[in-house]
Amino acid sequence: FRDFMLYEKHVINASRGLVRRVMPGVFSIARVYETVLRRPF
């Protein structure tokens, strides 16, 4: 079983969701970054 990772949108959303859950301090910084610059952290 080889499993690829072919979808950028999933990587971004999953990374954001994981950081939100386990690294709330980092998520707060990332949220400001994304709000101001309007692009993914």
PDB file of all heavy atoms in Angstrom:
ATOM      1  N   PHE A   1       0.846  -1.183   0.000  1.00  0.00           N
ATOM      2  CA  PHE A   1       0.000   0.000   0.000  1.00  0.00           C
ATOM      3  C   PHE A   1       0.890   1.244   0.000  1.00  0.00           C
ATOM      4  O   PHE A   1       1.549   1.539   0.988  1.00  0.00           O
ATOM      5  CB  PHE A   1      -0.913  -0.016   1.222  1.00  0.00           C
ATOM      6  CG  PHE A   1      -1.758   1.222   1.414  1.00  0.00           C
ATOM      7  CD1 PHE A   1      -2.224   1.946   0.326  1.00  0.00           C
ATOM      8  CD2 PHE A   1      -2.096   1.655   2.691  1.00  0.00           C
ATOM      9  CE1 PHE A   1      -3.004   3.089   0.506  1.00  0.00           C
ATOM     10  CE2 PHE A   1      -2.874   2.779   2.879  1.00  0.00           C
ATOM     11  CZ  PHE A   1      -3.327   3.502   1.795  1.00  0.00           C
ATOM     12  N   ARG A   2       0.922   1.928  -1.141  1.00  0.00           N
ATOM     13  CA  ARG A   2       1.576   3.233  -1.212  1.00  0.00           C
ATOM     14  C   ARG A   2       0.485   4.299  -1.213  1.00  0.00           C
ATOM     15  O   ARG A   2      -0.479   4.196  -1.957  1.00  0.00           O
ATOM     16  CB  ARG A   2       2.400   3.378  -2.503  1.00  0.00           C
ATOM     17  CG  ARG A   2       3.659   2.530  -2.583  1.00  0.00           C
ATOM     18  CD  ARG A   2       4.239   2.695  -3.991  1.00  0.00           C
ATOM     19  NE  ARG A   2       5.503   2.041  -4.190  1.00  0.00           N
ATOM     20  CZ  ARG A   2       5.660   0.760  -4.536  1.00  0.00           C
ATOM     21  NH1 ARG A   2       4.583   0.010  -4.692  1.00  0.00           N
ATOM     22  NH2 ARG A   2       6.851   0.238  -4.718  1.00  0.00           N
ATOM     23  N   ASP A   3       0.682   5.328  -0.403  1.00  0.00           N
ATOM     24  CA  ASP A   3      -0.325   6.377  -0.308  1.00  0.00           C
ATOM     25  C   ASP A   3       0.303   7.724  -0.659  1.00  0.00           C
ATOM     26  O   ASP A   3       1.223   8.187   0.030  1.00  0.00           O
ATOM     27  CB  ASP A   3      -0.917   6.416   1.099  1.00  0.00           C
ATOM     28  CG  ASP A   3      -2.269   7.101   1.130  1.00  0.00           C
ATOM     29  OD1 ASP A   3      -2.831   7.357   0.052  1.00  0.00           O
ATOM     30  OD2 ASP A   3      -2.769   7.374   2.230  1.00  0.00           O
ATOM     31  N   PHE A   4      -0.186   8.336  -1.730  1.00  0.00           N
ATOM     32  CA  PHE A   4       0.327   9.622  -2.176  1.00  0.00           C
ATOM     33  C   PHE A   4      -0.348  10.757  -1.399  1.00  0.00           C
ATOM     34  O   PHE A   4      -1.286  10.545  -0.627  1.00  0.00           O
ATOM     35  CB  PHE A   4       0.076   9.800  -3.679  1.00  0.00           C
ATOM     36  CG  PHE A   4       0.833   8.838  -4.529  1.00  0.00           C
ATOM     37  CD1 PHE A   4       0.218   7.694  -5.037  1.00  0.00           C
ATOM     38  CD2 PHE A   4       2.167   9.054  -4.830  1.00  0.00           C
ATOM     39  CE1 PHE A   4       0.916   6.797  -5.822  1.00  0.00           C
ATOM     40  CE2 PHE A   4       2.881   8.165  -5.614  1.00  0.00           C
ATOM     41  CZ  PHE A   4       2.252   7.036  -6.122  1.00  0.00           C
ATOM     42  N   MET A   5       0.150  11.962  -1.622  1.00  0.00           N
ATOM     43  CA  MET A   5      -0.426  13.162  -1.038  1.00  0.00           C
ATOM     44  C   MET A   5      -0.545  14.179  -2.174  1.00  0.00           C
ATOM     45  O   MET A   5       0.362  14.957  -2.439  1.00  0.00           O
ATOM     46  CB  MET A   5       0.460  13.699   0.094  1.00  0.00           C
ATOM     47  CG  MET A   5      -0.158  14.834   0.872  1.00  0.00           C
ATOM     48  SD  MET A   5       0.778  15.236   2.380  1.00  0.00           S
ATOM     49  CE  MET A   5       2.327  15.824   1.688  1.00  0.00           C
ATOM     50  N   LEU A   6      -1.697  14.137  -2.887  1.00  0.00           N
ATOM     51  CA  LEU A   6      -1.809  14.833  -4.170  1.00  0.00           C
ATOM     52  C   LEU A   6      -2.584  16.144  -4.101  1.00  0.00           C
ATOM     53  O   LEU A   6      -2.655  16.847  -5.111  1.00  0.00           O
ATOM     54  CB  LEU A   6      -2.477  13.908  -5.199  1.00  0.00           C
ATOM     55  CG  LEU A   6      -1.758  12.576  -5.477  1.00  0.00           C
ATOM     56  CD1 LEU A   6      -2.521  11.777  -6.532  1.00  0.00           C
ATOM     57  CD2 LEU A   6      -0.322  12.812  -5.930  1.00  0.00           C
ATOM     58  N   TYR A   7      -3.138  16.489  -2.930  1.00  0.00           N
ATOM     59  CA  TYR A   7      -4.028  17.650  -2.867  1.00  0.00           C
ATOM     60  C   TYR A   7      -3.479  18.730  -1.923  1.00  0.00           C
ATOM     61  O   TYR A   7      -3.436  18.547  -0.704  1.00  0.00           O
ATOM     62  CB  TYR A   7      -5.426  17.217  -2.424  1.00  0.00           C
ATOM     63  CG  TYR A   7      -6.128  16.381  -3.464  1.00  0.00           C
ATOM     64  CD1 TYR A   7      -6.027  14.993  -3.449  1.00  0.00           C
ATOM     65  CD2 TYR A   7      -6.871  16.984  -4.477  1.00  0.00           C
ATOM     66  CE1 TYR A   7      -6.658  14.221  -4.414  1.00  0.00           C
ATOM     67  CE2 TYR A   7      -7.507  16.211  -5.452  1.00  0.00           C
ATOM     68  CZ  TYR A   7      -7.388  14.843  -5.406  1.00  0.00           C
ATOM     69  OH  TYR A   7      -8.018  14.075  -6.371  1.00  0.00           O
ATOM     70  N   GLU A   8      -3.074  19.844  -2.497  1.00  0.00           N
ATOM     71  CA  GLU A   8      -2.527  20.946  -1.711  1.00  0.00           C
ATOM     72  C   GLU A   8      -3.551  21.472  -0.715  1.00  0.00           C
ATOM     73  O   GLU A   8      -3.216  21.785   0.441  1.00  0.00           O
ATOM     74  CB  GLU A   8      -2.073  22.075  -2.635  1.00  0.00           C
ATOM     75  CG  GLU A   8      -1.470  23.266  -1.889  1.00  0.00           C
ATOM     76  CD  GLU A   8      -1.230  24.446  -2.808  1.00  0.00           C
ATOM     77  OE1 GLU A   8      -2.155  24.784  -3.590  1.00  0.00           O
ATOM     78  OE2 GLU A   8      -0.140  25.038  -2.743  1.00  0.00           O
ATOM     79  N   LYS A   9      -4.787  21.603  -1.140  1.00  0.00           N
ATOM     80  CA  LYS A   9      -5.823  22.164  -0.273  1.00  0.00           C
ATOM     81  C   LYS A   9      -5.987  21.328   0.983  1.00  0.00           C
ATOM     82  O   LYS A   9      -6.177  21.867   2.086  1.00  0.00           O
ATOM     83  CB  LYS A   9      -7.147  22.274  -1.028  1.00  0.00           C
ATOM     84  CG  LYS A   9      -8.246  22.976  -0.262  1.00  0.00           C
ATOM     85  CD  LYS A   9      -9.503  23.145  -1.114  1.00  0.00           C
ATOM     86  CE  LYS A   9     -10.608  23.865  -0.344  1.00  0.00           C
ATOM     87  NZ  LYS A   9     -11.842  24.015  -1.174  1.00  0.00           N
ATOM     88  N   HIS A  10      -5.915  20.004   0.853  1.00  0.00           N
ATOM     89  CA  HIS A  10      -6.003  19.146   2.036  1.00  0.00           C
ATOM     90  C   HIS A  10      -4.820  19.392   2.957  1.00  0.00           C
ATOM     91  O   HIS A  10      -4.996  19.490   4.186  1.00  0.00           O
ATOM     92  CB  HIS A  10      -6.040  17.669   1.654  1.00  0.00           C
ATOM     93  CG  HIS A  10      -5.681  16.768   2.802  1.00  0.00           C
ATOM     94  ND1 HIS A  10      -6.496  16.575   3.887  1.00  0.00           N
ATOM     95  CD2 HIS A  10      -4.543  16.048   3.041  1.00  0.00           C
ATOM     96  CE1 HIS A  10      -5.903  15.760   4.740  1.00  0.00           C
ATOM     97  NE2 HIS A  10      -4.723  15.439   4.264  1.00  0.00           N
ATOM     98  N   VAL A  11      -3.622  19.471   2.411  1.00  0.00           N
ATOM     99  CA  VAL A  11      -2.432  19.674   3.242  1.00  0.00           C
ATOM    100  C   VAL A  11      -2.571  20.962   4.050  1.00  0.00           C
ATOM    101  O   VAL A  11      -2.318  20.988   5.266  1.00  0.00           O
ATOM    102  CB  VAL A  11      -1.156  19.720   2.377  1.00  0.00           C
ATOM    103  CG1 VAL A  11       0.070  20.018   3.246  1.00  0.00           C
ATOM    104  CG2 VAL A  11      -0.959  18.403   1.634  1.00  0.00           C
ATOM    105  N   ILE A  12      -2.990  22.024   3.401  1.00  0.00           N
ATOM    106  CA  ILE A  12      -3.129  23.315   4.069  1.00  0.00           C
ATOM    107  C   ILE A  12      -4.206  23.257   5.147  1.00  0.00           C
ATOM    108  O   ILE A  12      -3.992  23.667   6.298  1.00  0.00           O
ATOM    109  CB  ILE A  12      -3.442  24.421   3.041  1.00  0.00           C
ATOM    110  CG1 ILE A  12      -2.235  24.630   2.115  1.00  0.00           C
ATOM    111  CG2 ILE A  12      -3.811  25.720   3.741  1.00  0.00           C
ATOM    112  CD1 ILE A  12      -2.523  25.531   0.935  1.00  0.00           C
ATOM    113  N   ASN A  13      -5.374  22.729   4.795  1.00  0.00           N
ATOM    114  CA  ASN A  13      -6.480  22.692   5.752  1.00  0.00           C
ATOM    115  C   ASN A  13      -6.204  21.752   6.925  1.00  0.00           C
ATOM    116  O   ASN A  13      -6.556  22.050   8.073  1.00  0.00           O
ATOM    117  CB  ASN A  13      -7.767  22.282   5.050  1.00  0.00           C
ATOM    118  CG  ASN A  13      -8.288  23.356   4.110  1.00  0.00           C
ATOM    119  OD1 ASN A  13      -7.887  24.512   4.205  1.00  0.00           O
ATOM    120  ND2 ASN A  13      -9.177  22.977   3.209  1.00  0.00           N
ATOM    121  N   ALA A  14      -5.580  20.605   6.642  1.00  0.00           N
ATOM    122  CA  ALA A  14      -5.273  19.658   7.715  1.00  0.00           C
ATOM    123  C   ALA A  14      -4.196  20.221   8.635  1.00  0.00           C
ATOM    124  O   ALA A  14      -4.272  20.056   9.865  1.00  0.00           O
ATOM    125  CB  ALA A  14      -4.827  18.330   7.123  1.00  0.00           C
ATOM    126  N   SER A  15      -3.195  20.872   8.062  1.00  0.00           N
ATOM    127  CA  SER A  15      -2.146  21.485   8.889  1.00  0.00           C
ATOM    128  C   SER A  15      -2.742  22.562   9.777  1.00  0.00           C
ATOM    129  O   SER A  15      -2.431  22.653  10.976  1.00  0.00           O
ATOM    130  CB  SER A  15      -1.054  22.085   7.993  1.00  0.00           C
ATOM    131  OG  SER A  15      -0.441  21.089   7.203  1.00  0.00           O
ATOM    132  N   ARG A  16      -3.610  23.372   9.209  1.00  0.00           N
ATOM    133  CA  ARG A  16      -4.265  24.429   9.982  1.00  0.00           C
ATOM    134  C   ARG A  16      -5.105  23.830  11.117  1.00  0.00           C
ATOM    135  O   ARG A  16      -5.070  24.294  12.263  1.00  0.00           O
ATOM    136  CB  ARG A  16      -5.130  25.284   9.067  1.00  0.00           C
ATOM    137  CG  ARG A  16      -5.787  26.474   9.779  1.00  0.00           C
ATOM    138  CD  ARG A  16      -6.730  27.219   8.861  1.00  0.00           C
ATOM    139  NE  ARG A  16      -6.026  27.869   7.757  1.00  0.00           N
ATOM    140  CZ  ARG A  16      -6.226  27.591   6.464  1.00  0.00           C
ATOM    141  NH1 ARG A  16      -7.114  26.647   6.123  1.00  0.00           N
ATOM    142  NH2 ARG A  16      -5.568  28.234   5.527  1.00  0.00           N
ATOM    143  N   GLY A  17      -5.862  22.793  10.799  1.00  0.00           N
ATOM    144  CA  GLY A  17      -6.712  22.179  11.808  1.00  0.00           C
ATOM    145  C   GLY A  17      -5.926  21.517  12.916  1.00  0.00           C
ATOM    146  O   GLY A  17      -6.307  21.580  14.089  1.00  0.00           O
ATOM    147  N   LEU A  18      -4.811  20.875  12.557  1.00  0.00           N
ATOM    148  CA  LEU A  18      -3.993  20.207  13.564  1.00  0.00           C
ATOM    149  C   LEU A  18      -3.328  21.228  14.490  1.00  0.00           C
ATOM    150  O   LEU A  18      -3.299  21.053  15.710  1.00  0.00           O
ATOM    151  CB  LEU A  18      -2.942  19.335  12.877  1.00  0.00           C
ATOM    152  CG  LEU A  18      -2.135  18.400  13.772  1.00  0.00           C
ATOM    153  CD1 LEU A  18      -3.048  17.437  14.530  1.00  0.00           C
ATOM    154  CD2 LEU A  18      -1.125  17.609  12.938  1.00  0.00           C
ATOM    155  N   VAL A  19      -2.804  22.302  13.904  1.00  0.00           N
ATOM    156  CA  VAL A  19      -2.171  23.344  14.719  1.00  0.00           C
ATOM    157  C   VAL A  19      -3.211  24.010  15.624  1.00  0.00           C
ATOM    158  O   VAL A  19      -2.945  24.309  16.792  1.00  0.00           O
ATOM    159  CB  VAL A  19      -1.477  24.379  13.813  1.00  0.00           C
ATOM    160  CG1 VAL A  19      -1.075  25.626  14.595  1.00  0.00           C
ATOM    161  CG2 VAL A  19      -0.245  23.766  13.151  1.00  0.00           C
ATOM    162  N   ARG A  20      -4.405  24.217  15.106  1.00  0.00           N
ATOM    163  CA  ARG A  20      -5.464  24.803  15.930  1.00  0.00           C
ATOM    164  C   ARG A  20      -5.743  23.949  17.165  1.00  0.00           C
ATOM    165  O   ARG A  20      -5.979  24.471  18.263  1.00  0.00           O
ATOM    166  CB  ARG A  20      -6.746  24.944  15.103  1.00  0.00           C
ATOM    167  CG  ARG A  20      -7.921  25.528  15.895  1.00  0.00           C
ATOM    168  CD  ARG A  20      -9.160  25.708  15.024  1.00  0.00           C
ATOM    169  NE  ARG A  20      -9.628  24.462  14.487  1.00  0.00           N
ATOM    170  CZ  ARG A  20      -9.778  24.208  13.183  1.00  0.00           C
ATOM    171  NH1 ARG A  20      -9.500  25.132  12.286  1.00  0.00           N
ATOM    172  NH2 ARG A  20     -10.220  23.032  12.776  1.00  0.00           N
ATOM    173  N   ARG A  21      -5.656  22.634  17.006  1.00  0.00           N
ATOM    174  CA  ARG A  21      -6.016  21.738  18.101  1.00  0.00           C
ATOM    175  C   ARG A  21      -4.874  21.510  19.081  1.00  0.00           C
ATOM    176  O   ARG A  21      -5.109  21.423  20.296  1.00  0.00           O
ATOM    177  CB  ARG A  21      -6.486  20.397  17.525  1.00  0.00           C
ATOM    178  CG  ARG A  21      -6.960  19.399  18.563  1.00  0.00           C
ATOM    179  CD  ARG A  21      -7.614  18.220  17.897  1.00  0.00           C
ATOM    180  NE  ARG A  21      -8.955  18.549  17.438  1.00  0.00           N
ATOM    181  CZ  ARG A  21     -10.058  18.338  18.155  1.00  0.00           C
ATOM    182  NH1 ARG A  21      -9.966  17.840  19.381  1.00  0.00           N
ATOM    183  NH2 ARG A  21     -11.235  18.640  17.666  1.00  0.00           N
ATOM    184  N   VAL A  22      -3.629  21.397  18.579  1.00  0.00           N
ATOM    185  CA  VAL A  22      -2.527  21.000  19.473  1.00  0.00           C
ATOM    186  C   VAL A  22      -1.513  22.108  19.717  1.00  0.00           C
ATOM    187  O   VAL A  22      -0.669  21.972  20.605  1.00  0.00           O
ATOM    188  CB  VAL A  22      -1.808  19.737  18.925  1.00  0.00           C
ATOM    189  CG1 VAL A  22      -2.787  18.595  18.765  1.00  0.00           C
ATOM    190  CG2 VAL A  22      -1.094  20.022  17.614  1.00  0.00           C
ATOM    191  N   MET A  23      -1.533  23.171  18.938  1.00  0.00           N
ATOM    192  CA  MET A  23      -0.601  24.283  19.127  1.00  0.00           C
ATOM    193  C   MET A  23      -1.366  25.604  19.059  1.00  0.00           C
ATOM    194  O   MET A  23      -1.198  26.395  18.119  1.00  0.00           O
ATOM    195  CB  MET A  23       0.492  24.264  18.034  1.00  0.00           C
ATOM    196  CG  MET A  23       1.297  22.994  17.960  1.00  0.00           C
ATOM    197  SD  MET A  23       2.462  23.041  16.553  1.00  0.00           S
ATOM    198  CE  MET A  23       3.162  21.403  16.628  1.00  0.00           C
ATOM    199  N   PRO A  24      -2.228  25.879  20.022  1.00  0.00           N
ATOM    200  CA  PRO A  24      -3.084  27.057  19.935  1.00  0.00           C
ATOM    201  C   PRO A  24      -2.330  28.375  19.854  1.00  0.00           C
ATOM    202  O   PRO A  24      -2.800  29.319  19.213  1.00  0.00           O
ATOM    203  CB  PRO A  24      -3.939  26.975  21.210  1.00  0.00           C
ATOM    204  CG  PRO A  24      -3.197  26.045  22.120  1.00  0.00           C
ATOM    205  CD  PRO A  24      -2.484  25.089  21.245  1.00  0.00           C
ATOM    206  N   GLY A  25      -1.153  28.463  20.490  1.00  0.00           N
ATOM    207  CA  GLY A  25      -0.363  29.687  20.403  1.00  0.00           C
ATOM    208  C   GLY A  25       0.100  29.967  18.995  1.00  0.00           C
ATOM    209  O   GLY A  25       0.011  31.105  18.494  1.00  0.00           O
ATOM    210  N   VAL A  26       0.609  28.931  18.338  1.00  0.00           N
ATOM    211  CA  VAL A  26       1.049  29.072  16.949  1.00  0.00           C
ATOM    212  C   VAL A  26      -0.141  29.380  16.048  1.00  0.00           C
ATOM    213  O   VAL A  26      -0.050  30.199  15.119  1.00  0.00           O
ATOM    214  CB  VAL A  26       1.768  27.792  16.473  1.00  0.00           C
ATOM    215  CG1 VAL A  26       2.111  27.882  14.986  1.00  0.00           C
ATOM    216  CG2 VAL A  26       3.018  27.546  17.301  1.00  0.00           C
ATOM    217  N   PHE A  27      -1.279  28.751  16.338  1.00  0.00           N
ATOM    218  CA  PHE A  27      -2.465  28.996  15.517  1.00  0.00           C
ATOM    219  C   PHE A  27      -2.900  30.455  15.587  1.00  0.00           C
ATOM    220  O   PHE A  27      -3.323  31.032  14.576  1.00  0.00           O
ATOM    221  CB  PHE A  27      -3.609  28.088  15.963  1.00  0.00           C
ATOM    222  CG  PHE A  27      -4.892  28.333  15.212  1.00  0.00           C
ATOM    223  CD1 PHE A  27      -5.015  27.958  13.892  1.00  0.00           C
ATOM    224  CD2 PHE A  27      -5.963  28.961  15.832  1.00  0.00           C
ATOM    225  CE1 PHE A  27      -6.190  28.196  13.185  1.00  0.00           C
ATOM    226  CE2 PHE A  27      -7.144  29.196  15.141  1.00  0.00           C
ATOM    227  CZ  PHE A  27      -7.256  28.818  13.814  1.00  0.00           C
ATOM    228  N   SER A  28      -2.791  31.069  16.745  1.00  0.00           N
ATOM    229  CA  SER A  28      -3.176  32.479  16.881  1.00  0.00           C
ATOM    230  C   SER A  28      -2.314  33.364  15.989  1.00  0.00           C
ATOM    231  O   SER A  28      -2.812  34.289  15.331  1.00  0.00           O
ATOM    232  CB  SER A  28      -3.045  32.926  18.340  1.00  0.00           C
ATOM    233  OG  SER A  28      -3.940  32.213  19.162  1.00  0.00           O
ATOM    234  N   ILE A  29      -1.020  33.071  15.939  1.00  0.00           N
ATOM    235  CA  ILE A  29      -0.115  33.831  15.073  1.00  0.00           C
ATOM    236  C   ILE A  29      -0.471  33.592  13.606  1.00  0.00           C
ATOM    237  O   ILE A  29      -0.540  34.533  12.801  1.00  0.00           O
ATOM    238  CB  ILE A  29       1.348  33.429  15.343  1.00  0.00           C
ATOM    239  CG1 ILE A  29       1.735  33.791  16.787  1.00  0.00           C
ATOM    240  CG2 ILE A  29       2.295  34.084  14.342  1.00  0.00           C
ATOM    241  CD1 ILE A  29       3.080  33.236  17.205  1.00  0.00           C
ATOM    242  N   ALA A  30      -0.710  32.326  13.253  1.00  0.00           N
ATOM    243  CA  ALA A  30      -1.040  31.981  11.873  1.00  0.00           C
ATOM    244  C   ALA A  30      -2.342  32.631  11.433  1.00  0.00           C
ATOM    245  O   ALA A  30      -2.475  33.081  10.287  1.00  0.00           O
ATOM    246  CB  ALA A  30      -1.127  30.462  11.717  1.00  0.00           C
ATOM    247  N   ARG A  31      -3.304  32.695  12.324  1.00  0.00           N
ATOM    248  CA  ARG A  31      -4.593  33.291  11.990  1.00  0.00           C
ATOM    249  C   ARG A  31      -4.432  34.782  11.662  1.00  0.00           C
ATOM    250  O   ARG A  31      -5.044  35.293  10.709  1.00  0.00           O
ATOM    251  CB  ARG A  31      -5.573  33.099  13.133  1.00  0.00           C
ATOM    252  CG  ARG A  31      -6.970  33.631  12.842  1.00  0.00           C
ATOM    253  CD  ARG A  31      -7.964  33.181  13.874  1.00  0.00           C
ATOM    254  NE  ARG A  31      -7.540  33.586  15.222  1.00  0.00           N
ATOM    255  CZ  ARG A  31      -8.246  33.303  16.320  1.00  0.00           C
ATOM    256  NH1 ARG A  31      -9.354  32.582  16.238  1.00  0.00           N
ATOM    257  NH2 ARG A  31      -7.815  33.694  17.506  1.00  0.00           N
ATOM    258  N   VAL A  32      -3.609  35.490  12.437  1.00  0.00           N
ATOM    259  CA  VAL A  32      -3.352  36.906  12.151  1.00  0.00           C
ATOM    260  C   VAL A  32      -2.659  37.050  10.798  1.00  0.00           C
ATOM    261  O   VAL A  32      -3.030  37.911   9.981  1.00  0.00           O
ATOM    262  CB  VAL A  32      -2.492  37.533  13.267  1.00  0.00           C
ATOM    263  CG1 VAL A  32      -2.051  38.949  12.876  1.00  0.00           C
ATOM    264  CG2 VAL A  32      -3.264  37.556  14.579  1.00  0.00           C
ATOM    265  N   TYR A  33      -1.665  36.198  10.543  1.00  0.00           N
ATOM    266  CA  TYR A  33      -0.935  36.208   9.271  1.00  0.00           C
ATOM    267  C   TYR A  33      -1.903  36.034   8.104  1.00  0.00           C
ATOM    268  O   TYR A  33      -1.866  36.796   7.130  1.00  0.00           O
ATOM    269  CB  TYR A  33       0.104  35.092   9.285  1.00  0.00           C
ATOM    270  CG  TYR A  33       0.879  34.891   8.005  1.00  0.00           C
ATOM    271  CD1 TYR A  33       2.158  35.399   7.850  1.00  0.00           C
ATOM    272  CD2 TYR A  33       0.340  34.153   6.949  1.00  0.00           C
ATOM    273  CE1 TYR A  33       2.884  35.193   6.676  1.00  0.00           C
ATOM    274  CE2 TYR A  33       1.042  33.940   5.771  1.00  0.00           C
ATOM    275  CZ  TYR A  33       2.316  34.466   5.652  1.00  0.00           C
ATOM    276  OH  TYR A  33       3.014  34.254   4.480  1.00  0.00           O
ATOM    277  N   GLU A  34      -2.782  35.047   8.187  1.00  0.00           N
ATOM    278  CA  GLU A  34      -3.691  34.754   7.084  1.00  0.00           C
ATOM    279  C   GLU A  34      -4.743  35.840   6.921  1.00  0.00           C
ATOM    280  O   GLU A  34      -5.172  36.141   5.800  1.00  0.00           O
ATOM    281  CB  GLU A  34      -4.348  33.390   7.303  1.00  0.00           C
ATOM    282  CG  GLU A  34      -3.357  32.231   7.224  1.00  0.00           C
ATOM    283  CD  GLU A  34      -4.012  30.868   7.256  1.00  0.00           C
ATOM    284  OE1 GLU A  34      -5.075  30.710   7.893  1.00  0.00           O
ATOM    285  OE2 GLU A  34      -3.458  29.938   6.622  1.00  0.00           O
ATOM    286  N   THR A  35      -5.169  36.420   8.022  1.00  0.00           N
ATOM    287  CA  THR A  35      -6.175  37.480   7.948  1.00  0.00           C
ATOM    288  C   THR A  35      -5.605  38.729   7.285  1.00  0.00           C
ATOM    289  O   THR A  35      -6.259  39.352   6.434  1.00  0.00           O
ATOM    290  CB  THR A  35      -6.688  37.828   9.353  1.00  0.00           C
ATOM    291  OG1 THR A  35      -7.279  36.669   9.941  1.00  0.00           O
ATOM    292  CG2 THR A  35      -7.720  38.948   9.289  1.00  0.00           C
ATOM    293  N   VAL A  36      -4.384  39.082   7.654  1.00  0.00           N
ATOM    294  CA  VAL A  36      -3.772  40.304   7.130  1.00  0.00           C
ATOM    295  C   VAL A  36      -3.327  40.125   5.678  1.00  0.00           C
ATOM    296  O   VAL A  36      -3.588  40.980   4.818  1.00  0.00           O
ATOM    297  CB  VAL A  36      -2.581  40.733   8.014  1.00  0.00           C
ATOM    298  CG1 VAL A  36      -1.819  41.894   7.358  1.00  0.00           C
ATOM    299  CG2 VAL A  36      -3.061  41.127   9.400  1.00  0.00           C
ATOM    300  N   LEU A  37      -2.651  39.021   5.394  1.00  0.00           N
ATOM    301  CA  LEU A  37      -2.062  38.821   4.063  1.00  0.00           C
ATOM    302  C   LEU A  37      -2.989  38.099   3.094  1.00  0.00           C
ATOM    303  O   LEU A  37      -2.699  38.031   1.893  1.00  0.00           O
ATOM    304  CB  LEU A  37      -0.747  38.059   4.186  1.00  0.00           C
ATOM    305  CG  LEU A  37       0.359  38.759   4.984  1.00  0.00           C
ATOM    306  CD1 LEU A  37       1.624  37.914   5.008  1.00  0.00           C
ATOM    307  CD2 LEU A  37       0.661  40.142   4.414  1.00  0.00           C
ATOM    308  N   ARG A  38      -4.073  37.530   3.594  1.00  0.00           N
ATOM    309  CA  ARG A  38      -5.061  36.840   2.763  1.00  0.00           C
ATOM    310  C   ARG A  38      -4.450  35.715   1.917  1.00  0.00           C
ATOM    311  O   ARG A  38      -4.755  35.554   0.742  1.00  0.00           O
ATOM    312  CB  ARG A  38      -5.800  37.838   1.858  1.00  0.00           C
ATOM    313  CG  ARG A  38      -6.593  38.882   2.624  1.00  0.00           C
ATOM    314  CD  ARG A  38      -7.310  39.841   1.692  1.00  0.00           C
ATOM    315  NE  ARG A  38      -8.046  40.846   2.432  1.00  0.00           N
ATOM    316  CZ  ARG A  38      -9.278  40.692   2.912  1.00  0.00           C
ATOM    317  NH1 ARG A  38      -9.901  39.544   2.720  1.00  0.00           N
ATOM    318  NH2 ARG A  38      -9.869  41.661   3.577  1.00  0.00           N
ATOM    319  N   ARG A  39      -3.576  34.985   2.547  1.00  0.00           N
ATOM    320  CA  ARG A  39      -3.007  33.795   1.909  1.00  0.00           C
ATOM    321  C   ARG A  39      -2.646  32.792   3.000  1.00  0.00           C
ATOM    322  O   ARG A  39      -2.495  33.170   4.165  1.00  0.00           O
ATOM    323  CB  ARG A  39      -1.792  34.136   1.055  1.00  0.00           C
ATOM    324  CG  ARG A  39      -0.600  34.707   1.793  1.00  0.00           C
ATOM    325  CD  ARG A  39       0.583  34.821   0.824  1.00  0.00           C
ATOM    326  NE  ARG A  39       1.776  35.331   1.466  1.00  0.00           N
ATOM    327  CZ  ARG A  39       2.182  36.579   1.416  1.00  0.00           C
ATOM    328  NH1 ARG A  39       1.471  37.479   0.744  1.00  0.00           N
ATOM    329  NH2 ARG A  39       3.301  36.950   2.028  1.00  0.00           N
ATOM    330  N   PRO A  40      -2.497  31.514   2.650  1.00  0.00           N
ATOM    331  CA  PRO A  40      -2.207  30.507   3.673  1.00  0.00           C
ATOM    332  C   PRO A  40      -0.890  30.784   4.390  1.00  0.00           C
ATOM    333  O   PRO A  40       0.082  31.235   3.780  1.00  0.00           O
ATOM    334  CB  PRO A  40      -2.141  29.192   2.881  1.00  0.00           C
ATOM    335  CG  PRO A  40      -2.944  29.449   1.650  1.00  0.00           C
ATOM    336  CD  PRO A  40      -2.713  30.894   1.327  1.00  0.00           C
ATOM    337  N   PHE A  41      -0.873  30.510   5.677  1.00  0.00           N
ATOM    338  CA  PHE A  41       0.349  30.574   6.470  1.00  0.00           C
ATOM    339  C   PHE A  41       1.384  29.659   5.820  1.00  0.00           C
ATOM    340  O   PHE A  41       1.101  28.527   5.464  1.00  0.00           O
ATOM    341  CB  PHE A  41       0.039  30.129   7.896  1.00  0.00           C
ATOM    342  CG  PHE A  41       1.158  30.305   8.870  1.00  0.00           C
ATOM    343  CD1 PHE A  41       1.730  31.544   9.086  1.00  0.00           C
ATOM    344  CD2 PHE A  41       1.626  29.219   9.600  1.00  0.00           C
ATOM    345  CE1 PHE A  41       2.762  31.711  10.020  1.00  0.00           C
ATOM    346  CE2 PHE A  41       2.647  29.364  10.519  1.00  0.00           C
ATOM    347  CZ  PHE A  41       3.225  30.616  10.729  1.00  0.00           C
TER     348      PHE A  41
END
